[in-house]
Amino acid sequence: LFVCAVLLALWSLYLNADVLLGRVACWAIGRIPQAYRWTIERISIRPAWSELDAWSEIVVSNWTWHNPLGFDDDDDDPMATGHGFLLQIDELKLRLKLSSIRGAFTKHRSLEIALMRVEGLRFNTTRNSRGSLNLWQALDLPDDDVNVKSLTNKAARYGGLHEEEEQERGAKAAGPEVVPLPPVSTAATRAA
């Protein structure tokens, strides 16, 4: 009876290995310092057993890179666009040599890829109420668009955008504040 239970558990694990691999990949990428928010339905690996250097396939299905915190997919805003993602890919297929993966991790060599096919790619950039771009927030990079930051800061200063203190504190915690250029620099840039 115990052996049957173990065999049934192993068979169930084998059938759901693709889904489990997708969840493990999302869990792992969420643990790095950037804390990317991904969901992957499944990662299928089809190794070529015929020879060591044969081409194998890796298929990633329904991969979504969600917006960082503070954007419309996390708010209860009735005016939200409903696009709670930065990137969505229906299917990403890679045909590569699995033997090249070891060298990529241990000796920083390149992967040998014969095919990379992306189906159903949707890319969505949006700004939150503070003017931060979801792409730069997700990648933890500074937003160099000083004009947008300057306009939103001035609008908030004069009572525009109807921001509450809680949203302002959350946005400051979410990303660095950008200091706009002085008017002399902006005029000199436009003149050039």
Protein backbone atom coordinates (compact mmCIF):
# COMPACT_ATOMS: atom_id res chain seq x y z
CA LEU A 1 0.00 0.00 0.00
CA PHE A 2 2.87 2.37 0.87
CA VAL A 3 4.65 1.55 -2.39
CA CYS A 4 1.47 2.30 -4.37
CA ALA A 5 1.11 5.65 -2.60
CA VAL A 6 4.73 6.55 -3.36
CA LEU A 7 4.36 5.50 -7.01
CA LEU A 8 1.15 7.50 -7.31
CA ALA A 9 2.85 10.57 -5.80
CA LEU A 10 5.82 10.20 -8.17
CA TRP A 11 3.48 9.81 -11.15
CA SER A 12 1.54 12.93 -10.10
CA LEU A 13 4.81 14.84 -9.71
CA TYR A 14 5.91 13.69 -13.17
CA LEU A 15 2.62 14.85 -14.73
CA ASN A 16 2.81 18.26 -13.02
CA ALA A 17 6.58 18.81 -13.35
CA ASP A 18 6.09 21.56 -15.98
CA VAL A 19 3.76 23.54 -13.71
CA LEU A 20 6.00 22.98 -10.71
CA LEU A 21 9.06 24.16 -12.65
CA GLY A 22 7.22 27.36 -13.63
CA ARG A 23 6.29 28.05 -10.00
CA VAL A 24 9.81 27.38 -8.77
CA ALA A 25 11.21 29.78 -11.39
CA CYS A 26 8.76 32.51 -10.30
CA TRP A 27 9.58 31.91 -6.65
CA ALA A 28 13.33 32.10 -7.35
CA ILE A 29 13.14 35.30 -9.41
CA GLY A 30 11.08 36.89 -6.64
CA ARG A 31 13.92 36.29 -4.17
CA ILE A 32 16.60 38.34 -5.94
CA PRO A 33 17.13 41.94 -4.76
CA GLN A 34 14.99 43.41 -7.57
CA ALA A 35 12.10 41.10 -6.50
CA TYR A 36 10.54 40.75 -9.95
CA ARG A 37 6.87 39.78 -9.88
CA TRP A 38 6.40 37.02 -12.45
CA THR A 39 3.86 34.29 -13.03
CA ILE A 40 4.60 31.41 -15.39
CA GLU A 41 1.99 28.76 -16.09
CA ARG A 42 4.49 26.12 -17.13
CA ILE A 43 8.04 25.50 -18.33
CA SER A 44 8.36 22.44 -20.53
CA ILE A 45 11.80 20.96 -21.17
CA ARG A 46 12.08 18.52 -24.06
CA PRO A 47 15.62 17.18 -23.97
CA ALA A 48 17.16 15.45 -26.97
CA TRP A 49 18.46 12.13 -25.70
CA SER A 50 19.93 11.00 -29.02
CA GLU A 51 23.33 12.61 -28.47
CA LEU A 52 25.01 15.05 -26.09
CA ASP A 53 25.15 18.03 -28.44
CA ALA A 54 21.67 17.63 -29.94
CA TRP A 55 19.21 20.51 -29.92
CA SER A 56 16.66 20.46 -27.09
CA GLU A 57 13.59 22.63 -26.57
CA ILE A 58 12.49 24.75 -23.64
CA VAL A 59 8.96 26.18 -23.86
CA VAL A 60 7.74 28.83 -21.41
CA SER A 61 3.95 29.21 -21.48
CA ASN A 62 1.87 32.17 -20.28
CA TRP A 63 4.62 34.27 -18.75
CA THR A 64 3.46 37.53 -17.15
CA TRP A 65 5.73 40.16 -15.67
CA HIS A 66 3.43 42.09 -13.34
CA ASN A 67 3.60 45.81 -12.62
CA PRO A 68 5.56 46.86 -9.54
CA LEU A 69 3.64 47.93 -6.45
CA GLY A 70 1.97 51.32 -6.76
CA PHE A 71 0.57 50.86 -10.27
CA ASP A 72 -3.01 50.27 -11.38
CA ASP A 73 -3.10 46.49 -11.00
CA ASP A 74 -2.52 46.86 -7.26
CA ASP A 75 -4.86 49.79 -6.62
CA ASP A 76 -8.61 49.67 -6.10
CA ASP A 77 -8.95 52.53 -8.58
CA PRO A 78 -12.14 52.39 -10.69
CA MET A 79 -10.27 54.31 -13.42
CA ALA A 80 -7.58 51.64 -13.68
CA THR A 81 -6.80 50.48 -17.21
CA GLY A 82 -6.90 46.79 -16.34
CA HIS A 83 -3.42 46.25 -17.76
CA GLY A 84 -1.77 44.91 -14.64
CA PHE A 85 1.35 43.82 -16.44
CA LEU A 86 4.54 45.14 -17.88
CA LEU A 87 5.10 42.20 -20.24
CA GLN A 88 3.04 39.19 -21.28
CA ILE A 89 4.20 36.35 -23.49
CA ASP A 90 1.86 33.55 -24.52
CA GLU A 91 4.70 31.23 -25.54
CA LEU A 92 8.48 31.51 -25.62
CA LYS A 93 10.23 28.64 -27.37
CA LEU A 94 13.98 28.14 -27.26
CA ARG A 95 15.86 25.44 -29.18
CA LEU A 96 19.27 25.14 -27.59
CA LYS A 97 22.02 22.76 -26.62
CA LEU A 98 21.44 21.79 -23.01
CA SER A 99 25.15 21.04 -22.67
CA SER A 100 25.87 24.76 -23.12
CA ILE A 101 23.86 25.69 -19.98
CA ARG A 102 26.53 24.37 -17.64
CA GLY A 103 29.24 26.51 -19.26
CA ALA A 104 26.96 29.55 -19.13
CA PHE A 105 26.55 29.23 -15.36
CA THR A 106 30.05 28.12 -14.40
CA LYS A 107 32.34 29.87 -16.90
CA HIS A 108 30.12 32.74 -18.18
CA ARG A 109 30.07 31.33 -21.70
CA SER A 110 27.22 31.99 -24.10
CA LEU A 111 24.31 29.63 -24.69
CA GLU A 112 24.11 27.91 -28.06
CA ILE A 113 20.63 28.80 -29.32
CA ALA A 114 19.34 27.70 -32.71
CA LEU A 115 15.81 29.14 -32.41
CA MET A 116 14.02 31.69 -30.27
CA ARG A 117 10.34 32.16 -31.07
CA VAL A 118 7.97 34.44 -29.17
CA GLU A 119 4.21 34.24 -29.69
CA GLY A 120 1.67 36.67 -28.28
CA LEU A 121 3.98 39.35 -26.89
CA ARG A 122 2.28 42.31 -25.21
CA PHE A 123 4.34 45.16 -23.72
CA ASN A 124 2.61 47.76 -21.55
CA THR A 125 4.26 50.83 -20.07
CA THR A 126 2.29 53.18 -17.88
CA ARG A 127 2.87 55.92 -15.36
CA ASN A 128 1.33 55.98 -11.91
CA SER A 129 -0.17 59.06 -10.26
CA ARG A 130 3.30 60.29 -9.25
CA GLY A 131 4.63 60.06 -12.80
CA SER A 132 6.86 57.01 -12.28
CA LEU A 133 7.12 54.64 -15.24
CA ASN A 134 6.40 50.98 -14.45
CA LEU A 135 9.32 49.81 -16.62
CA TRP A 136 11.92 51.78 -14.64
CA GLN A 137 10.35 50.84 -11.30
CA ALA A 138 10.32 47.14 -12.22
CA LEU A 139 13.96 47.24 -13.34
CA ASP A 140 14.92 49.38 -10.31
CA LEU A 141 16.43 52.05 -12.57
CA PRO A 142 16.09 55.83 -12.28
CA ASP A 143 13.55 57.54 -14.52
CA ASP A 144 15.44 60.15 -16.55
CA ASP A 145 12.29 61.89 -17.80
CA VAL A 146 12.68 65.01 -15.68
CA ASN A 147 9.95 66.97 -17.49
CA VAL A 148 7.18 64.56 -16.47
CA LYS A 149 8.39 64.52 -12.86
CA SER A 150 8.58 68.31 -12.78
CA LEU A 151 5.05 68.71 -14.14
CA THR A 152 3.51 66.22 -11.74
CA ASN A 153 5.36 67.73 -8.76
CA LYS A 154 4.15 71.23 -9.68
CA ALA A 155 0.59 70.01 -10.22
CA ALA A 156 0.61 68.34 -6.81
CA ARG A 157 2.09 71.47 -5.20
CA TYR A 158 -0.76 73.63 -6.52
CA GLY A 159 -3.51 71.19 -5.56
CA GLY A 160 -3.69 69.11 -8.73
CA LEU A 161 -3.77 65.33 -9.09
CA HIS A 162 -5.71 65.07 -5.78
CA GLU A 163 -2.98 63.05 -4.11
CA GLU A 164 -3.29 61.95 -0.54
CA GLU A 165 -0.42 61.81 1.91
CA GLU A 166 -0.50 58.00 1.99
CA GLN A 167 -0.02 57.75 -1.78
CA GLU A 168 2.80 60.29 -1.63
CA ARG A 169 4.62 58.40 1.11
CA GLY A 170 4.16 55.11 -0.76
CA ALA A 171 5.53 56.57 -3.99
CA LYS A 172 8.57 58.03 -2.22
CA ALA A 173 9.28 54.64 -0.68
CA ALA A 174 8.83 52.95 -4.07
CA GLY A 175 11.46 54.92 -5.94
CA PRO A 176 13.99 57.76 -5.80
CA GLU A 177 12.80 61.34 -6.26
CA VAL A 178 14.03 63.02 -9.44
CA VAL A 179 15.11 66.65 -9.15
CA PRO A 180 14.07 68.73 -12.19
CA LEU A 181 16.57 70.87 -14.06
CA PRO A 182 16.61 74.60 -13.27
CA PRO A 183 14.78 76.81 -15.82
CA VAL A 184 18.09 78.20 -17.12
CA SER A 185 19.28 74.70 -18.08
CA THR A 186 15.98 73.86 -19.75
CA ALA A 187 16.06 77.10 -21.76
CA ALA A 188 19.68 76.45 -22.79
CA THR A 189 18.74 72.92 -23.88
CA ARG A 190 15.84 74.16 -25.99
CA ALA A 191 18.00 76.85 -27.57
CA ALA A 192 20.62 74.28 -28.58
